[in-house]
Amino acid sequence: MTITAVNRWKGGEQDAMTDATRKARPIVAKYGAECQLGRINTGTAVGDWLFILRCADWPGYAKCVAGLEADAEWQALVAQVRGMSQLIERNIVVGIDP
């Protein structure tokens, strides 16, 4: 069962947001997760960004979150993103294996 954190951000230029995601990938990978960036193209949140963090399971998610909270490079990157955009919402999606 995968654990996916979906973070919706408003604002931020494309080059800056994609650059931040490129920097985030190796940091997130250190803690056993992967990430990607998407942009909403329909609905009421058109133009908002989705930063998606995916872990294999709950223990992996816990390990990743604990690692990121203690990682100075990650904290600096989050501060940079907060300076150019606003976190609107965060959802945790639990994958179900049929």
PDB file of N, CA and C in Angstrom:
ATOM      1  N   MET A   1       0.839  -1.163   0.000  1.00  0.00           N
ATOM      2  CA  MET A   1       0.000   0.000   0.000  1.00  0.00           C
ATOM      3  C   MET A   1       0.888   1.231   0.000  1.00  0.00           C
ATOM      4  N   THR A   2       0.743   2.066  -0.998  1.00  0.00           N
ATOM      5  CA  THR A   2       1.539   3.287  -1.069  1.00  0.00           C
ATOM      6  C   THR A   2       0.902   4.392  -0.233  1.00  0.00           C
ATOM      7  N   ILE A   3       1.755   5.285   0.256  1.00  0.00           N
ATOM      8  CA  ILE A   3       1.306   6.473   0.974  1.00  0.00           C
ATOM      9  C   ILE A   3       1.772   7.663   0.148  1.00  0.00           C
ATOM     10  N   THR A   4       0.828   8.495  -0.241  1.00  0.00           N
ATOM     11  CA  THR A   4       1.136   9.627  -1.103  1.00  0.00           C
ATOM     12  C   THR A   4       0.660  10.913  -0.432  1.00  0.00           C
ATOM     13  N   ALA A   5       1.569  11.848  -0.259  1.00  0.00           N
ATOM     14  CA  ALA A   5       1.220  13.171   0.252  1.00  0.00           C
ATOM     15  C   ALA A   5       1.097  14.102  -0.946  1.00  0.00           C
ATOM     16  N   VAL A   6      -0.067  14.717  -1.090  1.00  0.00           N
ATOM     17  CA  VAL A   6      -0.333  15.632  -2.196  1.00  0.00           C
ATOM     18  C   VAL A   6      -0.455  17.035  -1.608  1.00  0.00           C
ATOM     19  N   ASN A   7       0.480  17.885  -1.982  1.00  0.00           N
ATOM     20  CA  ASN A   7       0.539  19.252  -1.461  1.00  0.00           C
ATOM     21  C   ASN A   7       0.195  20.216  -2.591  1.00  0.00           C
ATOM     22  N   ARG A   8      -0.849  21.041  -2.376  1.00  0.00           N
ATOM     23  CA  ARG A   8      -1.259  22.000  -3.411  1.00  0.00           C
ATOM     24  C   ARG A   8      -0.746  23.385  -3.042  1.00  0.00           C
ATOM     25  N   TRP A   9      -0.004  23.978  -3.984  1.00  0.00           N
ATOM     26  CA  TRP A   9       0.608  25.292  -3.802  1.00  0.00           C
ATOM     27  C   TRP A   9       0.014  26.270  -4.810  1.00  0.00           C
ATOM     28  N   LYS A  10      -0.209  27.500  -4.396  1.00  0.00           N
ATOM     29  CA  LYS A  10      -0.683  28.566  -5.276  1.00  0.00           C
ATOM     30  C   LYS A  10       0.446  29.570  -5.454  1.00  0.00           C
ATOM     31  N   GLY A  11       0.716  29.901  -6.723  1.00  0.00           N
ATOM     32  CA  GLY A  11       1.754  30.881  -7.020  1.00  0.00           C
ATOM     33  C   GLY A  11       3.074  30.209  -7.344  1.00  0.00           C
ATOM     34  N   GLY A  12       4.006  31.018  -7.787  1.00  0.00           N
ATOM     35  CA  GLY A  12       5.324  30.510  -8.152  1.00  0.00           C
ATOM     36  C   GLY A  12       5.453  30.343  -9.657  1.00  0.00           C
ATOM     37  N   GLU A  13       6.548  30.828 -10.178  1.00  0.00           N
ATOM     38  CA  GLU A  13       6.822  30.702 -11.613  1.00  0.00           C
ATOM     39  C   GLU A  13       7.259  29.279 -11.947  1.00  0.00           C
ATOM     40  N   GLN A  14       6.972  28.861 -13.153  1.00  0.00           N
ATOM     41  CA  GLN A  14       7.265  27.484 -13.557  1.00  0.00           C
ATOM     42  C   GLN A  14       8.740  27.136 -13.411  1.00  0.00           C
ATOM     43  N   ASP A  15       9.624  28.002 -13.877  1.00  0.00           N
ATOM     44  CA  ASP A  15      11.058  27.686 -13.784  1.00  0.00           C
ATOM     45  C   ASP A  15      11.499  27.511 -12.337  1.00  0.00           C
ATOM     46  N   ALA A  16      11.011  28.366 -11.452  1.00  0.00           N
ATOM     47  CA  ALA A  16      11.399  28.284 -10.046  1.00  0.00           C
ATOM     48  C   ALA A  16      10.833  27.037  -9.382  1.00  0.00           C
ATOM     49  N   MET A  17       9.597  26.692  -9.702  1.00  0.00           N
ATOM     50  CA  MET A  17       8.975  25.513  -9.096  1.00  0.00           C
ATOM     51  C   MET A  17       9.620  24.220  -9.616  1.00  0.00           C
ATOM     52  N   THR A  18       9.927  24.167 -10.899  1.00  0.00           N
ATOM     53  CA  THR A  18      10.575  22.967 -11.429  1.00  0.00           C
ATOM     54  C   THR A  18      12.003  22.847 -10.907  1.00  0.00           C
ATOM     55  N   ASP A  19      12.687  23.967 -10.749  1.00  0.00           N
ATOM     56  CA  ASP A  19      14.035  23.935 -10.181  1.00  0.00           C
ATOM     57  C   ASP A  19      14.003  23.420  -8.742  1.00  0.00           C
ATOM     58  N   ALA A  20      13.036  23.886  -7.961  1.00  0.00           N
ATOM     59  CA  ALA A  20      12.906  23.425  -6.578  1.00  0.00           C
ATOM     60  C   ALA A  20      12.634  21.922  -6.531  1.00  0.00           C
ATOM     61  N   THR A  21      11.819  21.434  -7.451  1.00  0.00           N
ATOM     62  CA  THR A  21      11.523  19.995  -7.479  1.00  0.00           C
ATOM     63  C   THR A  21      12.754  19.194  -7.868  1.00  0.00           C
ATOM     64  N   ARG A  22      13.535  19.697  -8.809  1.00  0.00           N
ATOM     65  CA  ARG A  22      14.792  19.012  -9.172  1.00  0.00           C
ATOM     66  C   ARG A  22      15.716  18.909  -7.962  1.00  0.00           C
ATOM     67  N   LYS A  23      15.766  19.965  -7.164  1.00  0.00           N
ATOM     68  CA  LYS A  23      16.588  19.947  -5.954  1.00  0.00           C
ATOM     69  C   LYS A  23      15.999  19.020  -4.897  1.00  0.00           C
ATOM     70  N   ALA A  24      14.688  18.909  -4.863  1.00  0.00           N
ATOM     71  CA  ALA A  24      14.014  18.074  -3.856  1.00  0.00           C
ATOM     72  C   ALA A  24      14.220  16.585  -4.108  1.00  0.00           C
ATOM     73  N   ARG A  25      14.288  16.180  -5.349  1.00  0.00           N
ATOM     74  CA  ARG A  25      14.346  14.742  -5.668  1.00  0.00           C
ATOM     75  C   ARG A  25      15.454  13.984  -4.946  1.00  0.00           C
ATOM     76  N   PRO A  26      16.705  14.434  -5.006  1.00  0.00           N
ATOM     77  CA  PRO A  26      17.745  13.663  -4.308  1.00  0.00           C
ATOM     78  C   PRO A  26      17.608  13.714  -2.790  1.00  0.00           C
ATOM     79  N   ILE A  27      17.063  14.796  -2.273  1.00  0.00           N
ATOM     80  CA  ILE A  27      16.865  14.881  -0.822  1.00  0.00           C
ATOM     81  C   ILE A  27      15.816  13.866  -0.391  1.00  0.00           C
ATOM     82  N   VAL A  28      14.707  13.852  -1.077  1.00  0.00           N
ATOM     83  CA  VAL A  28      13.616  12.925  -0.777  1.00  0.00           C
ATOM     84  C   VAL A  28      14.080  11.479  -0.959  1.00  0.00           C
ATOM     85  N   ALA A  29      14.863  11.233  -1.992  1.00  0.00           N
ATOM     86  CA  ALA A  29      15.354   9.870  -2.262  1.00  0.00           C
ATOM     87  C   ALA A  29      16.229   9.349  -1.120  1.00  0.00           C
ATOM     88  N   LYS A  30      16.962  10.249  -0.439  1.00  0.00           N
ATOM     89  CA  LYS A  30      17.786   9.826   0.710  1.00  0.00           C
ATOM     90  C   LYS A  30      16.942   9.135   1.767  1.00  0.00           C
ATOM     91  N   TYR A  31      15.669   9.493   1.829  1.00  0.00           N
ATOM     92  CA  TYR A  31      14.781   8.960   2.860  1.00  0.00           C
ATOM     93  C   TYR A  31      13.792   7.939   2.304  1.00  0.00           C
ATOM     94  N   GLY A  32      14.104   7.406   1.122  1.00  0.00           N
ATOM     95  CA  GLY A  32      13.343   6.290   0.575  1.00  0.00           C
ATOM     96  C   GLY A  32      12.050   6.638  -0.128  1.00  0.00           C
ATOM     97  N   ALA A  33      11.902   7.874  -0.552  1.00  0.00           N
ATOM     98  CA  ALA A  33      10.667   8.295  -1.216  1.00  0.00           C
ATOM     99  C   ALA A  33      10.985   8.848  -2.604  1.00  0.00           C
ATOM    100  N   GLU A  34       9.926   9.147  -3.329  1.00  0.00           N
ATOM    101  CA  GLU A  34      10.079   9.799  -4.629  1.00  0.00           C
ATOM    102  C   GLU A  34       9.098  10.965  -4.676  1.00  0.00           C
ATOM    103  N   CYS A  35       9.373  11.915  -5.573  1.00  0.00           N
ATOM    104  CA  CYS A  35       8.481  13.061  -5.683  1.00  0.00           C
ATOM    105  C   CYS A  35       8.332  13.477  -7.133  1.00  0.00           C
ATOM    106  N   GLN A  36       7.269  14.223  -7.372  1.00  0.00           N
ATOM    107  CA  GLN A  36       7.040  14.782  -8.698  1.00  0.00           C
ATOM    108  C   GLN A  36       6.250  16.068  -8.558  1.00  0.00           C
ATOM    109  N   LEU A  37       6.254  16.867  -9.609  1.00  0.00           N
ATOM    110  CA  LEU A  37       5.545  18.132  -9.649  1.00  0.00           C
ATOM    111  C   LEU A  37       4.530  18.068 -10.774  1.00  0.00           C
ATOM    112  N   GLY A  38       3.344  18.583 -10.524  1.00  0.00           N
ATOM    113  CA  GLY A  38       2.320  18.674 -11.562  1.00  0.00           C
ATOM    114  C   GLY A  38       1.636  20.019 -11.463  1.00  0.00           C
ATOM    115  N   ARG A  39       0.953  20.389 -12.520  1.00  0.00           N
ATOM    116  CA  ARG A  39       0.203  21.648 -12.525  1.00  0.00           C
ATOM    117  C   ARG A  39      -1.250  21.343 -12.862  1.00  0.00           C
ATOM    118  N   ILE A  40      -2.165  21.905 -12.123  1.00  0.00           N
ATOM    119  CA  ILE A  40      -3.594  21.672 -12.334  1.00  0.00           C
ATOM    120  C   ILE A  40      -4.047  22.465 -13.553  1.00  0.00           C
ATOM    121  N   ASN A  41      -4.713  21.778 -14.475  1.00  0.00           N
ATOM    122  CA  ASN A  41      -5.132  22.399 -15.725  1.00  0.00           C
ATOM    123  C   ASN A  41      -6.638  22.562 -15.879  1.00  0.00           C
ATOM    124  N   THR A  42      -7.443  22.021 -14.962  1.00  0.00           N
ATOM    125  CA  THR A  42      -8.892  22.163 -15.041  1.00  0.00           C
ATOM    126  C   THR A  42      -9.459  22.393 -13.650  1.00  0.00           C
ATOM    127  N   GLY A  43     -10.699  22.867 -13.604  1.00  0.00           N
ATOM    128  CA  GLY A  43     -11.382  23.037 -12.328  1.00  0.00           C
ATOM    129  C   GLY A  43     -11.081  24.368 -11.666  1.00  0.00           C
ATOM    130  N   THR A  44     -11.430  24.446 -10.398  1.00  0.00           N
ATOM    131  CA  THR A  44     -11.321  25.710  -9.682  1.00  0.00           C
ATOM    132  C   THR A  44      -9.895  26.054  -9.257  1.00  0.00           C
ATOM    133  N   ALA A  45      -8.984  25.108  -9.343  1.00  0.00           N
ATOM    134  CA  ALA A  45      -7.595  25.341  -8.910  1.00  0.00           C
ATOM    135  C   ALA A  45      -6.625  25.427 -10.092  1.00  0.00           C
ATOM    136  N   VAL A  46      -7.122  25.822 -11.258  1.00  0.00           N
ATOM    137  CA  VAL A  46      -6.269  25.935 -12.443  1.00  0.00           C
ATOM    138  C   VAL A  46      -5.047  26.791 -12.126  1.00  0.00           C
ATOM    139  N   GLY A  47      -3.875  26.279 -12.508  1.00  0.00           N
ATOM    140  CA  GLY A  47      -2.637  27.008 -12.315  1.00  0.00           C
ATOM    141  C   GLY A  47      -1.916  26.673 -11.027  1.00  0.00           C
ATOM    142  N   ASP A  48      -2.606  26.037 -10.095  1.00  0.00           N
ATOM    143  CA  ASP A  48      -1.946  25.633  -8.856  1.00  0.00           C
ATOM    144  C   ASP A  48      -1.017  24.460  -9.131  1.00  0.00           C
ATOM    145  N   TRP A  49      -0.052  24.300  -8.246  1.00  0.00           N
ATOM    146  CA  TRP A  49       0.946  23.239  -8.357  1.00  0.00           C
ATOM    147  C   TRP A  49       0.627  22.105  -7.401  1.00  0.00           C
ATOM    148  N   LEU A  50       0.927  20.882  -7.809  1.00  0.00           N
ATOM    149  CA  LEU A  50       0.848  19.723  -6.926  1.00  0.00           C
ATOM    150  C   LEU A  50       2.249  19.166  -6.763  1.00  0.00           C
ATOM    151  N   PHE A  51       2.732  19.185  -5.532  1.00  0.00           N
ATOM    152  CA  PHE A  51       3.985  18.520  -5.209  1.00  0.00           C
ATOM    153  C   PHE A  51       3.586  17.210  -4.557  1.00  0.00           C
ATOM    154  N   ILE A  52       3.968  16.108  -5.176  1.00  0.00           N
ATOM    155  CA  ILE A  52       3.519  14.783  -4.758  1.00  0.00           C
ATOM    156  C   ILE A  52       4.711  14.002  -4.219  1.00  0.00           C
ATOM    157  N   LEU A  53       4.571  13.533  -2.989  1.00  0.00           N
ATOM    158  CA  LEU A  53       5.602  12.746  -2.313  1.00  0.00           C
ATOM    159  C   LEU A  53       5.048  11.349  -2.111  1.00  0.00           C
ATOM    160  N   ARG A  54       5.729  10.330  -2.621  1.00  0.00           N
ATOM    161  CA  ARG A  54       5.218   8.962  -2.564  1.00  0.00           C
ATOM    162  C   ARG A  54       6.180   8.053  -1.824  1.00  0.00           C
ATOM    163  N   CYS A  55       5.615   7.275  -0.888  1.00  0.00           N
ATOM    164  CA  CYS A  55       6.378   6.307  -0.098  1.00  0.00           C
ATOM    165  C   CYS A  55       5.728   4.930  -0.258  1.00  0.00           C
ATOM    166  N   ALA A  56       6.496   3.890  -0.019  1.00  0.00           N
ATOM    167  CA  ALA A  56       6.009   2.527  -0.220  1.00  0.00           C
ATOM    168  C   ALA A  56       4.939   2.119   0.784  1.00  0.00           C
ATOM    169  N   ASP A  57       5.046   2.621   2.020  1.00  0.00           N
ATOM    170  CA  ASP A  57       4.126   2.192   3.076  1.00  0.00           C
ATOM    171  C   ASP A  57       4.206   3.178   4.240  1.00  0.00           C
ATOM    172  N   TRP A  58       3.416   2.921   5.298  1.00  0.00           N
ATOM    173  CA  TRP A  58       3.409   3.826   6.448  1.00  0.00           C
ATOM    174  C   TRP A  58       4.764   3.923   7.150  1.00  0.00           C
ATOM    175  N   PRO A  59       5.453   2.794   7.391  1.00  0.00           N
ATOM    176  CA  PRO A  59       6.782   2.929   8.011  1.00  0.00           C
ATOM    177  C   PRO A  59       7.745   3.753   7.147  1.00  0.00           C
ATOM    178  N   GLY A  60       7.670   3.575   5.838  1.00  0.00           N
ATOM    179  CA  GLY A  60       8.508   4.364   4.939  1.00  0.00           C
ATOM    180  C   GLY A  60       8.148   5.839   4.977  1.00  0.00           C
ATOM    181  N   TYR A  61       6.860   6.130   5.080  1.00  0.00           N
ATOM    182  CA  TYR A  61       6.411   7.520   5.177  1.00  0.00           C
ATOM    183  C   TYR A  61       6.917   8.151   6.474  1.00  0.00           C
ATOM    184  N   ALA A  62       6.790   7.417   7.566  1.00  0.00           N
ATOM    185  CA  ALA A  62       7.258   7.928   8.861  1.00  0.00           C
ATOM    186  C   ALA A  62       8.757   8.208   8.828  1.00  0.00           C
ATOM    187  N   LYS A  63       9.518   7.298   8.230  1.00  0.00           N
ATOM    188  CA  LYS A  63      10.967   7.478   8.112  1.00  0.00           C
ATOM    189  C   LYS A  63      11.286   8.707   7.260  1.00  0.00           C
ATOM    190  N   CYS A  64      10.565   8.858   6.164  1.00  0.00           N
ATOM    191  CA  CYS A  64      10.802   9.983   5.263  1.00  0.00           C
ATOM    192  C   CYS A  64      10.487  11.305   5.950  1.00  0.00           C
ATOM    193  N   VAL A  65       9.342  11.398   6.587  1.00  0.00           N
ATOM    194  CA  VAL A  65       8.951  12.644   7.247  1.00  0.00           C
ATOM    195  C   VAL A  65       9.936  13.007   8.355  1.00  0.00           C
ATOM    196  N   ALA A  66      10.338  12.022   9.155  1.00  0.00           N
ATOM    197  CA  ALA A  66      11.305  12.285  10.228  1.00  0.00           C
ATOM    198  C   ALA A  66      12.632  12.769   9.646  1.00  0.00           C
ATOM    199  N   GLY A  67      13.061  12.146   8.560  1.00  0.00           N
ATOM    200  CA  GLY A  67      14.313  12.562   7.928  1.00  0.00           C
ATOM    201  C   GLY A  67      14.235  13.963   7.364  1.00  0.00           C
ATOM    202  N   LEU A  68      13.134  14.272   6.676  1.00  0.00           N
ATOM    203  CA  LEU A  68      12.984  15.605   6.082  1.00  0.00           C
ATOM    204  C   LEU A  68      12.892  16.687   7.147  1.00  0.00           C
ATOM    205  N   GLU A  69      12.207  16.402   8.240  1.00  0.00           N
ATOM    206  CA  GLU A  69      12.089  17.394   9.314  1.00  0.00           C
ATOM    207  C   GLU A  69      13.447  17.762   9.903  1.00  0.00           C
ATOM    208  N   ALA A  70      14.385  16.820   9.879  1.00  0.00           N
ATOM    209  CA  ALA A  70      15.711  17.050  10.454  1.00  0.00           C
ATOM    210  C   ALA A  70      16.750  17.484   9.417  1.00  0.00           C
ATOM    211  N   ASP A  71      16.376  17.548   8.160  1.00  0.00           N
ATOM    212  CA  ASP A  71      17.313  17.817   7.072  1.00  0.00           C
ATOM    213  C   ASP A  71      17.375  19.329   6.788  1.00  0.00           C
ATOM    214  N   ALA A  72      18.506  19.942   7.060  1.00  0.00           N
ATOM    215  CA  ALA A  72      18.664  21.391   6.880  1.00  0.00           C
ATOM    216  C   ALA A  72      18.499  21.808   5.418  1.00  0.00           C
ATOM    217  N   GLU A  73      18.999  21.005   4.503  1.00  0.00           N
ATOM    218  CA  GLU A  73      18.872  21.332   3.076  1.00  0.00           C
ATOM    219  C   GLU A  73      17.401  21.345   2.659  1.00  0.00           C
ATOM    220  N   TRP A  74      16.634  20.364   3.139  1.00  0.00           N
ATOM    221  CA  TRP A  74      15.199  20.297   2.850  1.00  0.00           C
ATOM    222  C   TRP A  74      14.477  21.513   3.445  1.00  0.00           C
ATOM    223  N   GLN A  75      14.796  21.833   4.686  1.00  0.00           N
ATOM    224  CA  GLN A  75      14.136  22.963   5.346  1.00  0.00           C
ATOM    225  C   GLN A  75      14.414  24.268   4.610  1.00  0.00           C
ATOM    226  N   ALA A  76      15.625  24.440   4.113  1.00  0.00           N
ATOM    227  CA  ALA A  76      15.964  25.638   3.338  1.00  0.00           C
ATOM    228  C   ALA A  76      15.184  25.676   2.027  1.00  0.00           C
ATOM    229  N   LEU A  77      15.024  24.526   1.400  1.00  0.00           N
ATOM    230  CA  LEU A  77      14.281  24.446   0.145  1.00  0.00           C
ATOM    231  C   LEU A  77      12.806  24.764   0.382  1.00  0.00           C
ATOM    232  N   VAL A  78      12.227  24.241   1.445  1.00  0.00           N
ATOM    233  CA  VAL A  78      10.829  24.531   1.772  1.00  0.00           C
ATOM    234  C   VAL A  78      10.659  26.030   2.039  1.00  0.00           C
ATOM    235  N   ALA A  79      11.586  26.637   2.739  1.00  0.00           N
ATOM    236  CA  ALA A  79      11.519  28.076   3.001  1.00  0.00           C
ATOM    237  C   ALA A  79      11.562  28.869   1.694  1.00  0.00           C
ATOM    238  N   GLN A  80      12.390  28.422   0.761  1.00  0.00           N
ATOM    239  CA  GLN A  80      12.478  29.081  -0.546  1.00  0.00           C
ATOM    240  C   GLN A  80      11.138  28.996  -1.273  1.00  0.00           C
ATOM    241  N   VAL A  81      10.527  27.815  -1.282  1.00  0.00           N
ATOM    242  CA  VAL A  81       9.240  27.637  -1.965  1.00  0.00           C
ATOM    243  C   VAL A  81       8.161  28.468  -1.271  1.00  0.00           C
ATOM    244  N   ARG A  82       8.168  28.498   0.055  1.00  0.00           N
ATOM    245  CA  ARG A  82       7.177  29.311   0.789  1.00  0.00           C
ATOM    246  C   ARG A  82       7.336  30.801   0.492  1.00  0.00           C
ATOM    247  N   GLY A  83       8.512  31.212   0.098  1.00  0.00           N
ATOM    248  CA  GLY A  83       8.742  32.608  -0.261  1.00  0.00           C
ATOM    249  C   GLY A  83       8.152  32.996  -1.596  1.00  0.00           C
ATOM    250  N   MET A  84       7.839  32.017  -2.437  1.00  0.00           N
ATOM    251  CA  MET A  84       7.306  32.339  -3.763  1.00  0.00           C
ATOM    252  C   MET A  84       5.910  31.790  -3.995  1.00  0.00           C
ATOM    253  N   SER A  85       5.398  30.979  -3.069  1.00  0.00           N
ATOM    254  CA  SER A  85       4.068  30.405  -3.239  1.00  0.00           C
ATOM    255  C   SER A  85       3.462  30.116  -1.865  1.00  0.00           C
ATOM    256  N   GLN A  86       2.189  29.763  -1.869  1.00  0.00           N
ATOM    257  CA  GLN A  86       1.474  29.520  -0.621  1.00  0.00           C
ATOM    258  C   GLN A  86       0.936  28.094  -0.609  1.00  0.00           C
ATOM    259  N   LEU A  87       1.198  27.368   0.464  1.00  0.00           N
ATOM    260  CA  LEU A  87       0.634  26.032   0.630  1.00  0.00           C
ATOM    261  C   LEU A  87      -0.852  26.179   0.913  1.00  0.00           C
ATOM    262  N   ILE A  88      -1.672  25.598   0.047  1.00  0.00           N
ATOM    263  CA  ILE A  88      -3.122  25.710   0.166  1.00  0.00           C
ATOM    264  C   ILE A  88      -3.707  24.522   0.927  1.00  0.00           C
ATOM    265  N   GLU A  89      -3.255  23.327   0.588  1.00  0.00           N
ATOM    266  CA  GLU A  89      -3.756  22.145   1.276  1.00  0.00           C
ATOM    267  C   GLU A  89      -2.784  20.991   1.128  1.00  0.00           C
ATOM    268  N   ARG A  90      -2.922  20.043   2.049  1.00  0.00           N
ATOM    269  CA  ARG A  90      -2.112  18.830   2.021  1.00  0.00           C
ATOM    270  C   ARG A  90      -3.053  17.659   2.295  1.00  0.00           C
ATOM    271  N   ASN A  91      -2.995  16.671   1.436  1.00  0.00           N
ATOM    272  CA  ASN A  91      -3.798  15.466   1.603  1.00  0.00           C
ATOM    273  C   ASN A  91      -2.887  14.253   1.611  1.00  0.00           C
ATOM    274  N   ILE A  92      -3.250  13.273   2.406  1.00  0.00           N
ATOM    275  CA  ILE A  92      -2.544  11.995   2.422  1.00  0.00           C
ATOM    276  C   ILE A  92      -3.465  10.967   1.778  1.00  0.00           C
ATOM    277  N   VAL A  93      -2.963  10.299   0.750  1.00  0.00           N
ATOM    278  CA  VAL A  93      -3.737   9.299   0.029  1.00  0.00           C
ATOM    279  C   VAL A  93      -3.123   7.930   0.317  1.00  0.00           C
ATOM    280  N   VAL A  94      -3.944   7.011   0.776  1.00  0.00           N
ATOM    281  CA  VAL A  94      -3.497   5.651   1.064  1.00  0.00           C
ATOM    282  C   VAL A  94      -3.931   4.769  -0.095  1.00  0.00           C
ATOM    283  N   GLY A  95      -2.942   4.189  -0.793  1.00  0.00           N
ATOM    284  CA  GLY A  95      -3.240   3.311  -1.900  1.00  0.00           C
ATOM    285  C   GLY A  95      -3.851   2.006  -1.407  1.00  0.00           C
ATOM    286  N   ILE A  96      -4.775   1.482  -2.178  1.00  0.00           N
ATOM    287  CA  ILE A  96      -5.433   0.226  -1.846  1.00  0.00           C
ATOM    288  C   ILE A  96      -5.083  -0.797  -2.917  1.00  0.00           C
ATOM    289  N   ASP A  97      -4.509  -1.901  -2.500  1.00  0.00           N
ATOM    290  CA  ASP A  97      -4.187  -2.963  -3.434  1.00  0.00           C
ATOM    291  C   ASP A  97      -5.406  -3.860  -3.578  1.00  0.00           C
ATOM    292  N   PRO A  98      -5.994  -3.895  -4.794  1.00  0.00           N
ATOM    293  CA  PRO A  98      -7.210  -4.712  -4.976  1.00  0.00           C
ATOM    294  C   PRO A  98      -6.919  -6.209  -4.923  1.00  0.00           C
TER     295      PRO A  98
END
